All heavy atoms as atom14 arrays in JSON, in Angstrom:
{
  "sequence": "GHHKLERFAENLTFPNLFQVSFEMLKEGGFEYRGRWSDYF",
  "atom14_mask": [
    [1, 1, 1, 1, 0, 0, 0, 0, 0, 0, 0, 0, 0, 0],
    [1, 1, 1, 1, 1, 1, 1, 1, 1, 1, 0, 0, 0, 0],
    [1, 1, 1, 1, 1, 1, 1, 1, 1, 1, 0, 0, 0, 0],
    [1, 1, 1, 1, 1, 1, 1, 1, 1, 0, 0, 0, 0, 0],
    [1, 1, 1, 1, 1, 1, 1, 1, 0, 0, 0, 0, 0, 0],
    [1, 1, 1, 1, 1, 1, 1, 1, 1, 0, 0, 0, 0, 0],
    [1, 1, 1, 1, 1, 1, 1, 1, 1, 1, 1, 0, 0, 0],
    [1, 1, 1, 1, 1, 1, 1, 1, 1, 1, 1, 0, 0, 0],
    [1, 1, 1, 1, 1, 0, 0, 0, 0, 0, 0, 0, 0, 0],
    [1, 1, 1, 1, 1, 1, 1, 1, 1, 0, 0, 0, 0, 0],
    [1, 1, 1, 1, 1, 1, 1, 1, 0, 0, 0, 0, 0, 0],
    [1, 1, 1, 1, 1, 1, 1, 1, 0, 0, 0, 0, 0, 0],
    [1, 1, 1, 1, 1, 1, 1, 0, 0, 0, 0, 0, 0, 0],
    [1, 1, 1, 1, 1, 1, 1, 1, 1, 1, 1, 0, 0, 0],
    [1, 1, 1, 1, 1, 1, 1, 0, 0, 0, 0, 0, 0, 0],
    [1, 1, 1, 1, 1, 1, 1, 1, 0, 0, 0, 0, 0, 0],
    [1, 1, 1, 1, 1, 1, 1, 1, 0, 0, 0, 0, 0, 0],
    [1, 1, 1, 1, 1, 1, 1, 1, 1, 1, 1, 0, 0, 0],
    [1, 1, 1, 1, 1, 1, 1, 1, 1, 0, 0, 0, 0, 0],
    [1, 1, 1, 1, 1, 1, 1, 0, 0, 0, 0, 0, 0, 0],
    [1, 1, 1, 1, 1, 1, 0, 0, 0, 0, 0, 0, 0, 0],
    [1, 1, 1, 1, 1, 1, 1, 1, 1, 1, 1, 0, 0, 0],
    [1, 1, 1, 1, 1, 1, 1, 1, 1, 0, 0, 0, 0, 0],
    [1, 1, 1, 1, 1, 1, 1, 1, 0, 0, 0, 0, 0, 0],
    [1, 1, 1, 1, 1, 1, 1, 1, 0, 0, 0, 0, 0, 0],
    [1, 1, 1, 1, 1, 1, 1, 1, 1, 0, 0, 0, 0, 0],
    [1, 1, 1, 1, 1, 1, 1, 1, 1, 0, 0, 0, 0, 0],
    [1, 1, 1, 1, 0, 0, 0, 0, 0, 0, 0, 0, 0, 0],
    [1, 1, 1, 1, 0, 0, 0, 0, 0, 0, 0, 0, 0, 0],
    [1, 1, 1, 1, 1, 1, 1, 1, 1, 1, 1, 0, 0, 0],
    [1, 1, 1, 1, 1, 1, 1, 1, 1, 0, 0, 0, 0, 0],
    [1, 1, 1, 1, 1, 1, 1, 1, 1, 1, 1, 1, 0, 0],
    [1, 1, 1, 1, 1, 1, 1, 1, 1, 1, 1, 0, 0, 0],
    [1, 1, 1, 1, 0, 0, 0, 0, 0, 0, 0, 0, 0, 0],
    [1, 1, 1, 1, 1, 1, 1, 1, 1, 1, 1, 0, 0, 0],
    [1, 1, 1, 1, 1, 1, 1, 1, 1, 1, 1, 1, 1, 1],
    [1, 1, 1, 1, 1, 1, 0, 0, 0, 0, 0, 0, 0, 0],
    [1, 1, 1, 1, 1, 1, 1, 1, 0, 0, 0, 0, 0, 0],
    [1, 1, 1, 1, 1, 1, 1, 1, 1, 1, 1, 1, 0, 0],
    [1, 1, 1, 1, 1, 1, 1, 1, 1, 1, 1, 0, 0, 0]
  ],
  "atom14_positions": [
    [[23.76, 44.17, -3.81], [24.87, 44.41, -4.71], [25.82, 43.24, -4.8], [25.96, 42.44, -3.86], [0.0, 0.0, 0.0], [0.0, 0.0, 0.0], [0.0, 0.0, 0.0], [0.0, 0.0, 0.0], [0.0, 0.0, 0.0], [0.0, 0.0, 0.0], [0.0, 0.0, 0.0], [0.0, 0.0, 0.0], [0.0, 0.0, 0.0], [0.0, 0.0, 0.0]],
    [[26.49, 43.16, -5.95], [27.43, 42.07, -6.19], [28.57, 42.09, -5.17], [28.98, 41.05, -4.65], [27.97, 42.18, -7.62], [28.96, 41.11, -7.97], [28.62, 39.77, -8.0], [30.29, 41.18, -8.29], [29.69, 39.06, -8.34], [30.71, 39.9, -8.52], [0.0, 0.0, 0.0], [0.0, 0.0, 0.0], [0.0, 0.0, 0.0], [0.0, 0.0, 0.0]],
    [[29.07, 43.31, -4.87], [30.18, 43.41, -3.92], [29.76, 42.94, -2.52], [30.55, 42.35, -1.79], [30.69, 44.85, -3.86], [31.42, 45.28, -5.09], [32.55, 44.64, -5.54], [31.18, 46.29, -5.97], [32.99, 45.22, -6.65], [32.17, 46.22, -6.93], [0.0, 0.0, 0.0], [0.0, 0.0, 0.0], [0.0, 0.0, 0.0], [0.0, 0.0, 0.0]],
    [[28.51, 43.23, -2.16], [28.02, 42.81, -0.84], [27.99, 41.29, -0.74], [28.39, 40.72, 0.29], [26.64, 43.41, -0.57], [26.11, 43.12, 0.82], [24.82, 43.86, 1.11], [25.07, 45.34, 1.31], [23.85, 46.04, 1.79], [0.0, 0.0, 0.0], [0.0, 0.0, 0.0], [0.0, 0.0, 0.0], [0.0, 0.0, 0.0], [0.0, 0.0, 0.0]],
    [[27.54, 40.62, -1.79], [27.54, 39.16, -1.8], [28.96, 38.6, -1.7], [29.19, 37.62, -0.99], [26.85, 38.65, -3.07], [25.34, 38.88, -3.17], [24.84, 38.43, -4.54], [24.62, 38.12, -2.07], [0.0, 0.0, 0.0], [0.0, 0.0, 0.0], [0.0, 0.0, 0.0], [0.0, 0.0, 0.0], [0.0, 0.0, 0.0], [0.0, 0.0, 0.0]],
    [[29.88, 39.23, -2.39], [31.28, 38.8, -2.33], [31.83, 38.96, -0.92], [32.56, 38.1, -0.42], [32.13, 39.61, -3.3], [31.9, 39.28, -4.77], [32.8, 40.08, -5.69], [33.39, 41.1, -5.22], [32.92, 39.72, -6.87], [0.0, 0.0, 0.0], [0.0, 0.0, 0.0], [0.0, 0.0, 0.0], [0.0, 0.0, 0.0], [0.0, 0.0, 0.0]],
    [[31.48, 40.05, -0.28], [31.96, 40.3, 1.08], [31.36, 39.31, 2.07], [32.05, 38.82, 2.97], [31.65, 41.73, 1.49], [32.49, 42.74, 0.73], [32.19, 44.18, 1.12], [33.04, 45.1, 0.39], [33.04, 46.41, 0.57], [32.22, 46.96, 1.46], [33.86, 47.18, -0.14], [0.0, 0.0, 0.0], [0.0, 0.0, 0.0], [0.0, 0.0, 0.0]],
    [[30.09, 39.01, 1.92], [29.46, 38.02, 2.79], [30.17, 36.67, 2.66], [30.41, 35.98, 3.65], [27.98, 37.86, 2.45], [27.11, 38.99, 2.92], [25.89, 39.23, 2.31], [27.5, 39.8, 3.96], [25.07, 40.27, 2.74], [26.7, 40.85, 4.4], [25.48, 41.09, 3.77], [0.0, 0.0, 0.0], [0.0, 0.0, 0.0], [0.0, 0.0, 0.0]],
    [[30.52, 36.31, 1.43], [31.21, 35.03, 1.2], [32.6, 35.06, 1.81], [33.04, 34.07, 2.43], [31.29, 34.75, -0.3], [0.0, 0.0, 0.0], [0.0, 0.0, 0.0], [0.0, 0.0, 0.0], [0.0, 0.0, 0.0], [0.0, 0.0, 0.0], [0.0, 0.0, 0.0], [0.0, 0.0, 0.0], [0.0, 0.0, 0.0], [0.0, 0.0, 0.0]],
    [[33.3, 36.18, 1.65], [34.65, 36.27, 2.2], [34.63, 36.31, 3.73], [35.56, 35.81, 4.38], [35.38, 37.5, 1.65], [36.87, 37.49, 1.93], [37.62, 38.58, 1.19], [36.98, 39.47, 0.57], [38.87, 38.56, 1.24], [0.0, 0.0, 0.0], [0.0, 0.0, 0.0], [0.0, 0.0, 0.0], [0.0, 0.0, 0.0], [0.0, 0.0, 0.0]],
    [[33.58, 36.89, 4.29], [33.46, 36.92, 5.76], [33.53, 35.52, 6.36], [34.07, 35.33, 7.46], [32.13, 37.56, 6.17], [32.18, 39.08, 6.14], [33.25, 39.67, 6.01], [31.02, 39.71, 6.24], [0.0, 0.0, 0.0], [0.0, 0.0, 0.0], [0.0, 0.0, 0.0], [0.0, 0.0, 0.0], [0.0, 0.0, 0.0], [0.0, 0.0, 0.0]],
    [[33.01, 34.55, 5.64], [32.99, 33.17, 6.14], [34.38, 32.58, 6.22], [34.59, 31.57, 6.91], [32.11, 32.3, 5.23], [30.63, 32.69, 5.15], [29.91, 31.81, 4.13], [29.97, 32.56, 6.52], [0.0, 0.0, 0.0], [0.0, 0.0, 0.0], [0.0, 0.0, 0.0], [0.0, 0.0, 0.0], [0.0, 0.0, 0.0], [0.0, 0.0, 0.0]],
    [[35.36, 33.19, 5.56], [36.73, 32.68, 5.56], [37.6, 33.34, 6.62], [38.71, 32.87, 6.87], [37.39, 32.89, 4.19], [37.68, 34.29, 3.99], [36.5, 32.39, 3.07], [0.0, 0.0, 0.0], [0.0, 0.0, 0.0], [0.0, 0.0, 0.0], [0.0, 0.0, 0.0], [0.0, 0.0, 0.0], [0.0, 0.0, 0.0], [0.0, 0.0, 0.0]],
    [[37.11, 34.41, 7.24], [37.94, 35.14, 8.2], [37.94, 34.45, 9.57], [36.87, 34.29, 10.19], [37.43, 36.57, 8.38], [37.56, 37.44, 7.15], [36.62, 38.42, 6.87], [38.64, 37.29, 6.29], [36.74, 39.22, 5.75], [38.78, 38.09, 5.16], [37.82, 39.05, 4.89], [0.0, 0.0, 0.0], [0.0, 0.0, 0.0], [0.0, 0.0, 0.0]],
    [[39.1, 34.07, 10.09], [39.14, 33.42, 11.4], [38.87, 34.37, 12.56], [38.63, 33.93, 13.69], [40.57, 32.87, 11.46], [41.36, 33.79, 10.59], [40.44, 34.17, 9.47], [0.0, 0.0, 0.0], [0.0, 0.0, 0.0], [0.0, 0.0, 0.0], [0.0, 0.0, 0.0], [0.0, 0.0, 0.0], [0.0, 0.0, 0.0], [0.0, 0.0, 0.0]],
    [[38.92, 35.67, 12.29], [38.72, 36.66, 13.36], [37.31, 37.25, 13.37], [37.04, 38.19, 14.11], [39.74, 37.79, 13.22], [39.6, 38.56, 11.91], [38.82, 38.18, 11.04], [40.37, 39.64, 11.76], [0.0, 0.0, 0.0], [0.0, 0.0, 0.0], [0.0, 0.0, 0.0], [0.0, 0.0, 0.0], [0.0, 0.0, 0.0], [0.0, 0.0, 0.0]],
    [[36.4, 36.7, 12.56], [35.02, 37.19, 12.5], [34.06, 36.07, 12.89], [34.04, 35.01, 12.25], [34.68, 37.69, 11.09], [33.23, 38.11, 10.84], [32.76, 39.17, 11.82], [33.07, 38.6, 9.39], [0.0, 0.0, 0.0], [0.0, 0.0, 0.0], [0.0, 0.0, 0.0], [0.0, 0.0, 0.0], [0.0, 0.0, 0.0], [0.0, 0.0, 0.0]],
    [[33.27, 36.32, 13.93], [32.35, 35.31, 14.44], [30.91, 35.7, 14.12], [30.45, 36.77, 14.49], [32.54, 35.15, 15.95], [33.91, 34.68, 16.33], [34.92, 35.6, 16.63], [34.22, 33.33, 16.34], [36.19, 35.17, 16.95], [35.5, 32.88, 16.66], [36.49, 33.81, 16.97], [0.0, 0.0, 0.0], [0.0, 0.0, 0.0], [0.0, 0.0, 0.0]],
    [[30.22, 34.79, 13.42], [28.82, 34.97, 13.07], [28.05, 33.73, 13.54], [28.23, 32.65, 12.99], [28.66, 35.14, 11.56], [29.51, 36.25, 10.97], [29.34, 36.37, 9.47], [28.45, 37.08, 8.99], [30.18, 35.68, 8.71], [0.0, 0.0, 0.0], [0.0, 0.0, 0.0], [0.0, 0.0, 0.0], [0.0, 0.0, 0.0], [0.0, 0.0, 0.0]],
    [[27.25, 33.91, 14.57], [26.55, 32.78, 15.18], [25.05, 33.05, 15.14], [24.59, 34.08, 15.61], [27.02, 32.56, 16.63], [26.39, 31.3, 17.2], [28.54, 32.48, 16.71], [0.0, 0.0, 0.0], [0.0, 0.0, 0.0], [0.0, 0.0, 0.0], [0.0, 0.0, 0.0], [0.0, 0.0, 0.0], [0.0, 0.0, 0.0], [0.0, 0.0, 0.0]],
    [[24.29, 32.13, 14.6], [22.85, 32.3, 14.51], [22.21, 32.19, 15.88], [22.77, 31.6, 16.81], [22.25, 31.25, 13.58], [22.34, 29.96, 14.16], [0.0, 0.0, 0.0], [0.0, 0.0, 0.0], [0.0, 0.0, 0.0], [0.0, 0.0, 0.0], [0.0, 0.0, 0.0], [0.0, 0.0, 0.0], [0.0, 0.0, 0.0], [0.0, 0.0, 0.0]],
    [[21.0, 32.74, 15.99], [20.26, 32.65, 17.24], [20.01, 31.2, 17.62], [20.1, 30.83, 18.8], [18.92, 33.4, 17.12], [18.06, 33.3, 18.34], [18.33, 34.06, 19.46], [16.98, 32.43, 18.38], [17.54, 33.97, 20.6], [16.19, 32.32, 19.51], [16.47, 33.11, 20.63], [0.0, 0.0, 0.0], [0.0, 0.0, 0.0], [0.0, 0.0, 0.0]],
    [[19.73, 30.38, 16.64], [19.47, 28.96, 16.89], [20.69, 28.27, 17.49], [20.59, 27.48, 18.43], [19.05, 28.26, 15.6], [17.68, 28.65, 15.06], [17.65, 30.04, 14.45], [18.75, 30.57, 14.12], [16.55, 30.61, 14.32], [0.0, 0.0, 0.0], [0.0, 0.0, 0.0], [0.0, 0.0, 0.0], [0.0, 0.0, 0.0], [0.0, 0.0, 0.0]],
    [[21.87, 28.59, 16.94], [23.11, 27.99, 17.45], [23.42, 28.47, 18.86], [23.87, 27.7, 19.71], [24.27, 28.32, 16.51], [24.17, 27.63, 15.15], [25.52, 28.12, 14.02], [26.94, 27.44, 14.9], [0.0, 0.0, 0.0], [0.0, 0.0, 0.0], [0.0, 0.0, 0.0], [0.0, 0.0, 0.0], [0.0, 0.0, 0.0], [0.0, 0.0, 0.0]],
    [[23.15, 29.76, 19.12], [23.36, 30.28, 20.47], [22.45, 29.58, 21.47], [22.86, 29.25, 22.59], [23.09, 31.79, 20.5], [24.13, 32.71, 19.88], [23.64, 34.15, 19.92], [25.47, 32.6, 20.61], [0.0, 0.0, 0.0], [0.0, 0.0, 0.0], [0.0, 0.0, 0.0], [0.0, 0.0, 0.0], [0.0, 0.0, 0.0], [0.0, 0.0, 0.0]],
    [[21.22, 29.34, 21.05], [20.24, 28.71, 21.94], [20.58, 27.25, 22.21], [20.41, 26.76, 23.33], [18.85, 28.81, 21.3], [17.71, 28.38, 22.2], [16.36, 28.63, 21.54], [15.23, 28.22, 22.47], [13.9, 28.46, 21.83], [0.0, 0.0, 0.0], [0.0, 0.0, 0.0], [0.0, 0.0, 0.0], [0.0, 0.0, 0.0], [0.0, 0.0, 0.0]],
    [[21.1, 26.59, 21.19], [21.4, 25.16, 21.33], [22.7, 24.89, 22.1], [22.72, 24.08, 23.02], [21.49, 24.52, 19.94], [20.15, 24.43, 19.23], [20.28, 23.87, 17.83], [21.39, 23.42, 17.47], [19.28, 23.88, 17.09], [0.0, 0.0, 0.0], [0.0, 0.0, 0.0], [0.0, 0.0, 0.0], [0.0, 0.0, 0.0], [0.0, 0.0, 0.0]],
    [[23.77, 25.57, 21.7], [25.05, 25.25, 22.32], [25.8, 26.41, 22.92], [26.82, 26.24, 23.59], [0.0, 0.0, 0.0], [0.0, 0.0, 0.0], [0.0, 0.0, 0.0], [0.0, 0.0, 0.0], [0.0, 0.0, 0.0], [0.0, 0.0, 0.0], [0.0, 0.0, 0.0], [0.0, 0.0, 0.0], [0.0, 0.0, 0.0], [0.0, 0.0, 0.0]],
    [[25.3, 27.64, 22.71], [25.99, 28.81, 23.21], [27.22, 29.12, 22.38], [27.62, 28.35, 21.51], [0.0, 0.0, 0.0], [0.0, 0.0, 0.0], [0.0, 0.0, 0.0], [0.0, 0.0, 0.0], [0.0, 0.0, 0.0], [0.0, 0.0, 0.0], [0.0, 0.0, 0.0], [0.0, 0.0, 0.0], [0.0, 0.0, 0.0], [0.0, 0.0, 0.0]],
    [[27.82, 30.26, 22.65], [29.0, 30.68, 21.91], [30.24, 30.09, 22.56], [30.44, 30.21, 23.77], [29.08, 32.21, 21.9], [30.29, 32.75, 21.19], [30.51, 32.48, 19.85], [31.2, 33.54, 21.88], [31.63, 32.98, 19.2], [32.32, 34.04, 21.24], [32.53, 33.76, 19.89], [0.0, 0.0, 0.0], [0.0, 0.0, 0.0], [0.0, 0.0, 0.0]],
    [[31.09, 29.48, 21.75], [32.21, 28.71, 22.28], [33.2, 29.53, 23.11], [33.84, 28.99, 24.03], [32.97, 28.04, 21.14], [33.57, 29.0, 20.11], [34.33, 28.27, 19.02], [35.1, 27.35, 19.34], [34.14, 28.64, 17.84], [0.0, 0.0, 0.0], [0.0, 0.0, 0.0], [0.0, 0.0, 0.0], [0.0, 0.0, 0.0], [0.0, 0.0, 0.0]],
    [[33.36, 30.82, 22.81], [34.36, 31.6, 23.54], [33.76, 32.48, 24.63], [34.48, 33.27, 25.25], [35.16, 32.46, 22.56], [36.11, 31.65, 21.71], [35.95, 31.58, 20.33], [37.16, 30.93, 22.28], [36.81, 30.82, 19.54], [38.02, 30.16, 21.5], [37.84, 30.12, 20.13], [38.69, 29.36, 19.36], [0.0, 0.0, 0.0], [0.0, 0.0, 0.0]],
    [[32.46, 32.36, 24.88], [31.87, 33.12, 25.97], [32.52, 32.69, 27.29], [32.48, 31.52, 27.67], [30.36, 32.89, 26.04], [29.67, 33.71, 27.12], [28.17, 33.43, 27.18], [27.51, 34.3, 28.13], [27.4, 34.02, 29.44], [27.9, 32.89, 29.93], [26.79, 34.87, 30.25], [0.0, 0.0, 0.0], [0.0, 0.0, 0.0], [0.0, 0.0, 0.0]],
    [[33.13, 33.64, 27.98], [33.85, 33.34, 29.21], [35.23, 32.74, 28.97], [35.96, 32.47, 29.92], [0.0, 0.0, 0.0], [0.0, 0.0, 0.0], [0.0, 0.0, 0.0], [0.0, 0.0, 0.0], [0.0, 0.0, 0.0], [0.0, 0.0, 0.0], [0.0, 0.0, 0.0], [0.0, 0.0, 0.0], [0.0, 0.0, 0.0], [0.0, 0.0, 0.0]],
    [[35.59, 32.58, 27.67], [36.86, 31.95, 27.33], [37.58, 32.71, 26.21], [38.32, 32.13, 25.41], [36.63, 30.5, 26.88], [36.03, 29.6, 27.93], [35.74, 28.2, 27.41], [36.87, 27.65, 26.66], [36.85, 27.4, 25.35], [35.76, 27.67, 24.64], [37.9, 26.9, 24.75], [0.0, 0.0, 0.0], [0.0, 0.0, 0.0], [0.0, 0.0, 0.0]],
    [[37.36, 34.02, 26.14], [38.04, 34.79, 25.11], [39.56, 34.75, 25.27], [40.31, 34.92, 24.31], [37.55, 36.24, 25.12], [36.27, 36.42, 24.35], [35.01, 36.49, 24.86], [36.13, 36.53, 22.93], [34.08, 36.64, 23.85], [34.74, 36.67, 22.65], [37.03, 36.51, 21.87], [34.25, 36.8, 21.35], [36.54, 36.65, 20.57], [35.17, 36.79, 20.32]],
    [[40.02, 34.5, 26.49], [41.47, 34.38, 26.71], [42.03, 33.19, 25.94], [43.2, 33.2, 25.52], [41.77, 34.24, 28.21], [41.1, 33.1, 28.75], [0.0, 0.0, 0.0], [0.0, 0.0, 0.0], [0.0, 0.0, 0.0], [0.0, 0.0, 0.0], [0.0, 0.0, 0.0], [0.0, 0.0, 0.0], [0.0, 0.0, 0.0], [0.0, 0.0, 0.0]],
    [[41.2, 32.16, 25.73], [41.64, 31.01, 24.93], [41.8, 31.41, 23.46], [42.75, 30.99, 22.79], [40.64, 29.86, 25.04], [40.59, 29.24, 26.41], [41.52, 29.51, 27.2], [39.66, 28.48, 26.7], [0.0, 0.0, 0.0], [0.0, 0.0, 0.0], [0.0, 0.0, 0.0], [0.0, 0.0, 0.0], [0.0, 0.0, 0.0], [0.0, 0.0, 0.0]],
    [[40.87, 32.22, 22.97], [40.96, 32.65, 21.57], [42.2, 33.52, 21.35], [42.97, 33.32, 20.4], [39.71, 33.43, 21.15], [39.87, 34.1, 19.81], [39.78, 33.38, 18.63], [40.17, 35.47, 19.73], [39.97, 33.98, 17.4], [40.35, 36.09, 18.49], [40.26, 35.33, 17.34], [40.47, 35.94, 16.11], [0.0, 0.0, 0.0], [0.0, 0.0, 0.0]],
    [[42.39, 34.51, 22.22], [43.51, 35.43, 22.05], [44.85, 34.83, 22.51], [45.92, 35.32, 22.13], [43.26, 36.73, 22.81], [42.23, 37.62, 22.17], [41.0, 37.84, 22.77], [42.48, 38.24, 20.95], [40.05, 38.66, 22.18], [41.54, 39.06, 20.35], [40.31, 39.27, 20.97], [0.0, 0.0, 0.0], [0.0, 0.0, 0.0], [0.0, 0.0, 0.0]]
  ]
}
């Protein structure tokens, strides 16, 4: 649906939503793992 595509695009602009691919997790890991206190 058109609305779903719009939402996917807007998701990329949200600073509070983290979407990390499996490849990125495997290569460098998630930046806030063990450091969520830094984010908050």
